[in-house]
Amino acid sequence: MPSQVAKKRKHAEIFEYLERAIQSGERRAGERLPSEHELTELFQTSRPTVARALRELQHAGLIERRAGSGTFVRTPETNGTARKLFGLLIPELGQAEIFEPICAQIARRIQTLGHSLLWGDSGDHPEKGTLADGLKGLDDVSLGLATRLSRAEQACRNFVEQGVAGVFFAPVEFTSDEGKTNQSILAALDRARIPVILLDRDTVPFPARSRFDLVGIDNVRGSYVLTQHLIQQGRRRIGFLARPRSAPTVERRIAGYREALWDAGATPARDWVRFGDPGDAAFVRAFLKAVRPEAIICANDITAARLMQVLFAQGLRVPEDVGVVGFDDVKYAQWLGVPLTTMQQPCRELGTVALSTLLERIAQPDLPLRTVLLEPRLVVRQSCGAP
């Protein structure tokens, strides 16, 4: 089966085509854009696909749609007269690769709309908050965990002092006190009445739900599709591996994995799901001995990469002896010793939707609580054993 990563989704192609035209000045403010019918003909696609691209451009603040008149490039007046300052707080930036493209897209969209972004690693004036500057602080992998958490709380205080209009926040995971840190940050922002968009994950375990809007991916469906793919390759004894104290998103991935196995008539045993260090050879040996898996789904790509190293060191072959798949499709996934099959997160779209969700919350504070889930995409490579 050929890799599904090479072919760009048509709606994203249309979005980027019009986005470039607007940002380059080829399409000027107030100019009427081609109709849906014209775009359908130009891109040889369906009308719903064109409508989705236009809807995302509208959410990004680049266009406006006037009933009976058509679609137009937004003018500065329709973008709003007040220049806003937003905060971006990602304590694990650099530890989790998926956040870099999400943050980059948020920064681009905010800049396009004429607003400013204050990165969580700096107390300086927001004009310093470029993408390059923002990636210098919290992504320093040499920083200890306690230091990063302390800086996150200091950044939160700085956001309150600066009076930001809203904050994008990715809660901390993999620590024993992440709940305390997350709640401390959210409580401070809530007292200041600053709207928050949670990125990727909630701060409480499923099925509980915090009272902040969340933008992420459909982890249940993504894991279901990934498990279903392994089953179609003839692998039915499938284990699931995650690190201890993982985010609530992992619980959703486990739920999708189990549901796919049940639907296929392969009832998973409780010990098929294991939490431990994928780089610990003794732990991996015990996992393999107890479960005897034909394939292992890893909670993310970094877990899969570390597991594969240990498997190779033990003389096992991937995928001949055991298939390994991941989640996220980070940059190095295709360059591992055996290229990794994984679920790709739509990071660019996540950044765009996160900003539009925050702008809607600012404009309408009384909107109901929202959970916006985008669909991940299966990327098939050699590690699952597919031809």
Protein backbone atom coordinates (compact mmCIF):
# COMPACT_ATOMS: atom_id res chain seq x y z
CA MET A 1 0.00 0.00 0.00
CA PRO A 2 1.53 3.39 -0.97
CA SER A 3 2.14 6.01 1.68
CA GLN A 4 -0.78 8.38 2.14
CA VAL A 5 1.44 11.28 3.18
CA ALA A 6 2.54 12.30 -0.31
CA LYS A 7 -0.84 13.46 -1.60
CA LYS A 8 -1.92 16.76 -0.07
CA ARG A 9 -5.60 17.00 0.82
CA LYS A 10 -7.43 19.07 -1.76
CA HIS A 11 -9.05 21.50 0.67
CA ALA A 12 -5.62 22.29 2.14
CA GLU A 13 -4.29 22.90 -1.38
CA ILE A 14 -7.08 25.40 -2.07
CA PHE A 15 -6.57 27.07 1.33
CA GLU A 16 -2.83 27.53 0.74
CA TYR A 17 -3.34 28.77 -2.83
CA LEU A 18 -5.70 31.55 -1.71
CA GLU A 19 -3.69 32.27 1.44
CA ARG A 20 -0.53 32.88 -0.62
CA ALA A 21 -2.45 35.09 -3.04
CA ILE A 22 -3.79 37.22 -0.18
CA GLN A 23 -0.56 37.49 1.80
CA SER A 24 1.53 38.30 -1.29
CA GLY A 25 -0.82 41.13 -2.27
CA GLU A 26 -1.88 39.42 -5.47
CA ARG A 27 -5.40 39.51 -4.04
CA ARG A 28 -5.98 42.89 -2.43
CA ALA A 29 -8.19 43.87 0.50
CA GLY A 30 -11.82 44.14 -0.59
CA GLU A 31 -11.24 42.20 -3.83
CA ARG A 32 -13.82 39.61 -4.82
CA LEU A 33 -12.47 36.05 -4.97
CA PRO A 34 -13.49 33.39 -7.51
CA SER A 35 -16.87 31.79 -6.84
CA GLU A 36 -17.25 28.29 -5.42
CA HIS A 37 -18.17 27.05 -8.89
CA GLU A 38 -15.05 28.64 -10.42
CA LEU A 39 -12.81 27.15 -7.73
CA THR A 40 -14.47 23.76 -8.24
CA GLU A 41 -13.57 23.90 -11.94
CA LEU A 42 -10.06 25.25 -11.29
CA PHE A 43 -9.11 22.53 -8.80
CA GLN A 44 -11.21 19.73 -10.30
CA THR A 45 -12.83 18.91 -7.00
CA SER A 46 -16.20 18.88 -5.27
CA ARG A 47 -18.15 21.87 -4.02
CA PRO A 48 -18.07 20.70 -0.36
CA THR A 49 -14.26 20.57 -0.55
CA VAL A 50 -14.13 24.16 -1.83
CA ALA A 51 -16.63 25.25 0.83
CA ARG A 52 -14.45 23.70 3.56
CA ALA A 53 -11.37 25.60 2.34
CA LEU A 54 -13.31 28.88 2.25
CA ARG A 55 -14.73 28.22 5.70
CA GLU A 56 -11.22 27.74 7.11
CA LEU A 57 -10.02 30.92 5.40
CA GLN A 58 -12.94 32.74 6.99
CA HIS A 59 -12.09 31.32 10.43
CA ALA A 60 -8.50 32.45 9.88
CA GLY A 61 -9.76 36.00 9.34
CA LEU A 62 -8.52 36.25 5.76
CA ILE A 63 -11.83 36.48 3.91
CA GLU A 64 -15.45 37.44 4.47
CA ARG A 65 -18.49 35.95 2.76
CA ARG A 66 -21.36 38.29 1.89
CA ALA A 67 -24.74 36.70 1.22
CA GLY A 68 -25.77 37.30 -2.38
CA SER A 69 -22.48 39.00 -3.28
CA GLY A 70 -19.71 36.43 -2.96
CA THR A 71 -16.42 36.03 -1.11
CA PHE A 72 -14.03 38.93 -0.52
CA VAL A 73 -10.56 39.50 0.93
CA ARG A 74 -11.03 41.06 4.32
CA THR A 75 -10.18 44.72 4.68
CA PRO A 76 -8.36 46.10 7.75
CA GLU A 77 -11.67 47.53 8.98
CA THR A 78 -13.35 44.12 9.03
CA ASN A 79 -10.42 42.59 10.90
CA GLY A 80 -11.36 44.79 13.88
CA THR A 81 -9.97 48.14 14.92
CA ALA A 82 -8.39 47.07 18.20
CA ARG A 83 -4.91 45.55 18.09
CA LYS A 84 -4.91 42.53 20.40
CA LEU A 85 -2.14 40.81 22.33
CA PHE A 86 -2.31 37.04 22.78
CA GLY A 87 -0.28 34.69 24.96
CA LEU A 88 1.20 31.34 23.92
CA LEU A 89 2.13 29.00 26.78
CA ILE A 90 3.62 25.63 25.78
CA PRO A 91 5.83 24.42 28.67
CA GLU A 92 6.88 21.34 26.68
CA LEU A 93 7.73 23.10 23.44
CA GLY A 94 10.78 21.25 22.15
CA GLN A 95 9.84 18.16 24.16
CA ALA A 96 6.82 17.41 21.95
CA GLU A 97 7.55 18.15 18.30
CA ILE A 98 3.95 18.54 17.18
CA PHE A 99 3.64 21.87 19.00
CA GLU A 100 6.22 23.66 16.84
CA PRO A 101 4.16 23.69 13.61
CA ILE A 102 0.98 24.44 15.59
CA CYS A 103 2.65 27.43 17.26
CA ALA A 104 4.14 28.59 13.97
CA GLN A 105 0.70 28.61 12.34
CA ILE A 106 -0.86 30.48 15.27
CA ALA A 107 1.93 33.07 15.01
CA ARG A 108 1.44 33.48 11.26
CA ARG A 109 -2.32 33.89 11.56
CA ILE A 110 -2.04 36.41 14.40
CA GLN A 111 0.51 38.43 12.45
CA THR A 112 -1.70 38.37 9.34
CA LEU A 113 -4.60 39.80 11.35
CA GLY A 114 -2.41 42.63 12.67
CA HIS A 115 -2.31 41.39 16.27
CA SER A 116 0.68 40.47 18.46
CA LEU A 117 1.80 37.29 20.20
CA LEU A 118 3.63 37.08 23.51
CA TRP A 119 5.58 33.85 23.85
CA GLY A 120 5.58 32.18 27.23
CA ASP A 121 9.37 32.25 27.60
CA SER A 122 9.76 36.01 27.55
CA GLY A 123 8.61 39.00 29.56
CA ASP A 124 9.68 41.37 26.82
CA HIS A 125 7.45 43.54 24.67
CA PRO A 126 5.31 41.46 22.30
CA GLU A 127 7.04 42.97 19.26
CA LYS A 128 9.96 40.71 20.17
CA GLY A 129 7.66 37.72 20.03
CA THR A 130 8.56 36.45 16.57
CA LEU A 131 8.54 32.76 15.78
CA ALA A 132 12.33 32.54 15.95
CA ASP A 133 12.44 34.35 19.30
CA GLY A 134 9.65 32.25 20.71
CA LEU A 135 11.39 28.98 19.96
CA LYS A 136 14.54 29.97 21.88
CA GLY A 137 13.34 29.68 25.46
CA LEU A 138 10.92 26.97 26.47
CA ASP A 139 12.25 24.58 23.84
CA ASP A 140 15.65 24.38 25.53
CA VAL A 141 15.85 20.65 26.22
CA SER A 142 18.62 21.26 28.75
CA LEU A 143 16.15 22.97 31.08
CA GLY A 144 15.14 20.84 34.03
CA LEU A 145 11.47 20.04 34.53
CA ALA A 146 11.20 22.17 37.66
CA THR A 147 12.71 25.11 35.79
CA ARG A 148 10.30 24.76 32.89
CA LEU A 149 7.31 24.56 35.23
CA SER A 150 8.52 27.59 37.16
CA ARG A 151 8.95 29.55 33.93
CA ALA A 152 5.48 28.52 32.80
CA GLU A 153 3.93 29.92 35.98
CA GLN A 154 6.01 33.10 35.64
CA ALA A 155 4.85 33.45 32.02
CA CYS A 156 1.26 33.14 33.21
CA ARG A 157 1.79 35.98 35.69
CA ASN A 158 3.32 38.03 32.90
CA PHE A 159 0.29 37.41 30.67
CA VAL A 160 -1.99 38.69 33.41
CA GLU A 161 0.15 41.79 33.97
CA GLN A 162 0.25 42.50 30.22
CA GLY A 163 -3.53 42.11 29.97
CA VAL A 164 -3.52 39.65 27.07
CA ALA A 165 -6.82 39.12 25.25
CA GLY A 166 -6.51 35.33 25.36
CA VAL A 167 -4.05 32.46 25.91
CA PHE A 168 -3.24 29.24 24.05
CA PHE A 169 -2.14 26.66 26.63
CA ALA A 170 -0.90 23.08 26.25
CA PRO A 171 -1.13 21.47 29.72
CA VAL A 172 1.96 19.77 31.13
CA GLU A 173 2.19 15.98 31.21
CA PHE A 174 4.61 13.25 32.41
CA THR A 175 5.11 14.74 35.89
CA SER A 176 3.76 13.81 39.29
CA ASP A 177 2.61 17.37 39.99
CA GLU A 178 1.39 18.41 36.54
CA GLY A 179 -2.15 18.67 37.89
CA LYS A 180 -1.08 21.30 40.43
CA THR A 181 0.83 23.34 37.84
CA ASN A 182 -1.93 23.17 35.24
CA GLN A 183 -4.62 24.15 37.72
CA SER A 184 -2.52 26.99 39.14
CA ILE A 185 -2.05 28.48 35.67
CA LEU A 186 -5.70 28.11 34.68
CA ALA A 187 -6.93 29.52 37.99
CA ALA A 188 -4.76 32.64 37.57
CA LEU A 189 -6.00 33.22 34.02
CA ASP A 190 -9.58 32.58 35.06
CA ARG A 191 -9.38 35.12 37.91
CA ALA A 192 -8.14 37.66 35.38
CA ARG A 193 -11.02 36.71 33.07
CA ILE A 194 -8.64 35.82 30.25
CA PRO A 195 -10.12 33.27 27.79
CA VAL A 196 -8.06 30.10 27.32
CA ILE A 197 -7.87 27.59 24.48
CA LEU A 198 -6.43 24.25 25.55
CA LEU A 199 -4.27 22.70 22.84
CA ASP A 200 -4.20 18.93 22.26
CA ARG A 201 -5.26 17.84 25.75
CA ASP A 202 -7.46 18.60 28.73
CA THR A 203 -6.23 19.05 32.30
CA VAL A 204 -8.45 16.34 33.78
CA PRO A 205 -8.70 12.62 32.94
CA PHE A 206 -11.53 11.31 30.77
CA PRO A 207 -14.53 11.26 31.20
CA ALA A 208 -14.21 14.46 33.27
CA ARG A 209 -14.01 17.73 31.35
CA SER A 210 -12.59 21.10 32.39
CA ARG A 211 -14.54 24.25 31.55
CA PHE A 212 -12.14 25.59 28.92
CA ASP A 213 -12.46 25.28 25.14
CA LEU A 214 -10.23 22.59 23.68
CA VAL A 215 -8.84 22.14 20.16
CA GLY A 216 -7.21 18.83 19.28
CA ILE A 217 -7.64 15.70 17.22
CA ASP A 218 -10.14 12.86 17.41
CA ASN A 219 -7.90 10.47 19.33
CA VAL A 220 -10.53 7.74 19.62
CA ARG A 221 -11.15 7.59 15.89
CA GLY A 222 -7.45 7.93 15.08
CA SER A 223 -6.49 4.99 17.28
CA TYR A 224 -9.43 2.97 15.96
CA VAL A 225 -8.26 3.48 12.37
CA LEU A 226 -4.66 2.61 13.30
CA THR A 227 -5.72 -0.60 15.07
CA GLN A 228 -8.08 -1.51 12.25
CA HIS A 229 -5.21 -1.16 9.79
CA LEU A 230 -3.08 -3.61 11.78
CA ILE A 231 -5.96 -6.07 11.93
CA GLN A 232 -6.30 -5.84 8.15
CA GLN A 233 -2.63 -6.81 7.92
CA GLY A 234 -3.49 -10.04 9.76
CA ARG A 235 -2.27 -8.95 13.20
CA ARG A 236 -4.86 -9.55 15.92
CA ARG A 237 -2.79 -9.89 19.08
CA ILE A 238 -1.96 -6.21 19.46
CA GLY A 239 -0.42 -4.54 22.49
CA PHE A 240 -0.54 -0.88 23.48
CA LEU A 241 2.43 0.89 25.08
CA ALA A 242 2.49 4.31 26.77
CA ARG A 243 4.71 6.16 29.21
CA PRO A 244 3.50 6.57 32.81
CA ARG A 245 1.50 9.72 33.66
CA SER A 246 0.61 10.36 30.04
CA ALA A 247 -1.93 13.02 29.08
CA PRO A 248 -5.68 12.28 28.93
CA THR A 249 -5.33 12.03 25.14
CA VAL A 250 -3.64 8.64 25.62
CA GLU A 251 -6.70 7.34 27.48
CA ARG A 252 -8.77 8.21 24.40
CA ARG A 253 -6.30 6.41 22.14
CA ILE A 254 -6.54 3.33 24.33
CA ALA A 255 -10.35 3.51 24.11
CA GLY A 256 -10.23 3.62 20.29
CA TYR A 257 -7.74 0.73 20.21
CA ARG A 258 -9.92 -1.44 22.41
CA GLU A 259 -13.08 -0.62 20.46
CA ALA A 260 -11.43 -1.62 17.18
CA LEU A 261 -10.31 -4.95 18.63
CA TRP A 262 -13.75 -5.67 20.06
CA ASP A 263 -15.43 -4.85 16.75
CA ALA A 264 -13.06 -7.28 15.03
CA GLY A 265 -13.86 -10.03 17.53
CA ALA A 266 -10.39 -9.93 19.09
CA THR A 267 -11.13 -9.29 22.76
CA PRO A 268 -8.11 -7.53 24.31
CA ALA A 269 -6.83 -8.77 27.65
CA ARG A 270 -6.29 -6.13 30.33
CA ASP A 271 -2.51 -6.72 30.36
CA TRP A 272 -2.22 -5.96 26.64
CA VAL A 273 -2.06 -2.28 27.66
CA ARG A 274 1.19 -1.45 29.47
CA PHE A 275 2.63 1.73 30.96
CA GLY A 276 6.39 1.92 31.26
CA ASP A 277 9.69 3.17 29.87
CA PRO A 278 10.06 2.04 26.24
CA GLY A 279 13.84 2.39 26.58
CA ASP A 280 13.99 -0.05 29.54
CA ALA A 281 15.12 -3.38 28.09
CA ALA A 282 13.89 -5.38 31.11
CA PHE A 283 10.44 -3.78 30.93
CA VAL A 284 10.20 -4.46 27.18
CA ARG A 285 11.26 -8.10 27.61
CA ALA A 286 8.59 -8.60 30.30
CA PHE A 287 5.99 -6.94 28.05
CA LEU A 288 6.87 -9.21 25.11
CA LYS A 289 6.87 -12.34 27.26
CA ALA A 290 3.49 -11.60 28.88
CA VAL A 291 1.60 -10.32 25.84
CA ARG A 292 3.37 -12.06 22.92
CA PRO A 293 2.19 -9.26 20.62
CA GLU A 294 2.07 -9.50 16.84
CA ALA A 295 2.12 -5.71 16.80
CA ILE A 296 2.45 -2.86 19.29
CA ILE A 297 0.67 0.48 19.10
CA CYS A 298 2.71 3.19 20.81
CA ALA A 299 1.05 6.25 22.34
CA ASN A 300 3.31 8.52 20.27
CA ASP A 301 6.21 8.40 17.84
CA ILE A 302 8.95 9.01 20.42
CA THR A 303 7.74 5.97 22.36
CA ALA A 304 7.74 3.93 19.14
CA ALA A 305 11.28 5.06 18.23
CA ARG A 306 12.67 4.11 21.63
CA LEU A 307 10.85 0.78 21.59
CA MET A 308 12.27 -0.07 18.17
CA GLN A 309 15.82 0.60 19.42
CA VAL A 310 15.33 -1.88 22.26
CA LEU A 311 13.74 -4.46 19.96
CA PHE A 312 16.67 -4.22 17.53
CA ALA A 313 19.13 -4.57 20.42
CA GLN A 314 17.35 -7.79 21.45
CA GLY A 315 17.71 -9.21 17.95
CA LEU A 316 14.07 -8.79 16.97
CA ARG A 317 13.00 -7.60 13.53
CA VAL A 318 10.41 -4.93 12.77
CA PRO A 319 7.94 -5.70 11.26
CA GLU A 320 8.76 -9.40 10.67
CA ASP A 321 8.77 -10.41 14.35
CA VAL A 322 6.58 -7.61 15.68
CA GLY A 323 4.94 -4.63 13.98
CA VAL A 324 5.34 -1.20 15.58
CA VAL A 325 3.22 1.88 14.92
CA GLY A 326 3.10 5.35 16.46
CA PHE A 327 1.03 8.49 16.68
CA ASP A 328 1.77 12.11 15.58
CA ASP A 329 4.00 11.69 12.46
CA VAL A 330 6.89 13.78 13.75
CA LYS A 331 9.66 14.77 11.33
CA TYR A 332 11.98 11.85 12.04
CA ALA A 333 9.26 9.15 11.80
CA GLN A 334 10.00 8.43 8.14
CA TRP A 335 13.78 8.37 8.72
CA LEU A 336 13.95 5.69 11.43
CA GLY A 337 15.79 2.42 10.70
CA VAL A 338 12.41 1.08 9.68
CA PRO A 339 10.14 3.97 8.58
CA LEU A 340 7.28 4.30 11.03
CA THR A 341 3.58 3.85 10.28
CA THR A 342 1.72 6.48 12.28
CA MET A 343 -1.29 8.77 12.57
CA GLN A 344 -0.51 12.25 11.27
CA GLN A 345 -1.75 15.25 13.23
CA PRO A 346 -3.01 18.14 11.03
CA CYS A 347 -0.83 20.68 12.82
CA ARG A 348 -1.35 23.58 10.43
CA GLU A 349 -5.13 23.21 10.60
CA LEU A 350 -4.96 22.88 14.40
CA GLY A 351 -3.22 26.25 14.64
CA THR A 352 -5.75 27.92 12.36
CA VAL A 353 -8.75 26.49 14.18
CA ALA A 354 -7.29 27.29 17.60
CA LEU A 355 -7.06 30.97 16.72
CA SER A 356 -10.54 31.14 15.20
CA THR A 357 -11.96 29.39 18.29
CA LEU A 358 -10.28 31.89 20.62
CA LEU A 359 -11.49 34.87 18.57
CA GLU A 360 -15.04 33.51 18.71
CA ARG A 361 -14.78 33.04 22.48
CA ILE A 362 -13.55 36.63 22.92
CA ALA A 363 -16.37 37.97 20.74
CA GLN A 364 -19.01 35.80 22.45
CA PRO A 365 -17.95 34.98 26.04
CA ASP A 366 -21.23 33.18 26.78
CA LEU A 367 -20.82 30.51 24.08
CA PRO A 368 -21.26 26.94 25.37
CA LEU A 369 -18.14 24.93 26.19
CA ARG A 370 -16.60 23.64 22.96
CA THR A 371 -14.40 20.69 22.06
CA VAL A 372 -13.18 20.99 18.47
CA LEU A 373 -11.67 17.76 17.14
CA LEU A 374 -9.90 17.45 13.79
CA GLU A 375 -9.37 14.13 12.09
CA PRO A 376 -5.85 12.64 12.00
CA ARG A 377 -4.64 10.77 8.92
CA LEU A 378 -3.10 7.32 8.58
CA VAL A 379 0.40 7.34 7.07
CA VAL A 380 1.46 3.86 6.05
CA ARG A 381 5.15 2.95 6.06
CA GLN A 382 7.15 -0.26 6.52
CA SER A 383 6.99 -0.72 10.30
CA CYS A 384 3.45 -2.18 10.24
CA GLY A 385 4.30 -4.88 7.68
CA ALA A 386 2.07 -3.54 4.90
CA PRO A 387 3.45 -4.29 1.43
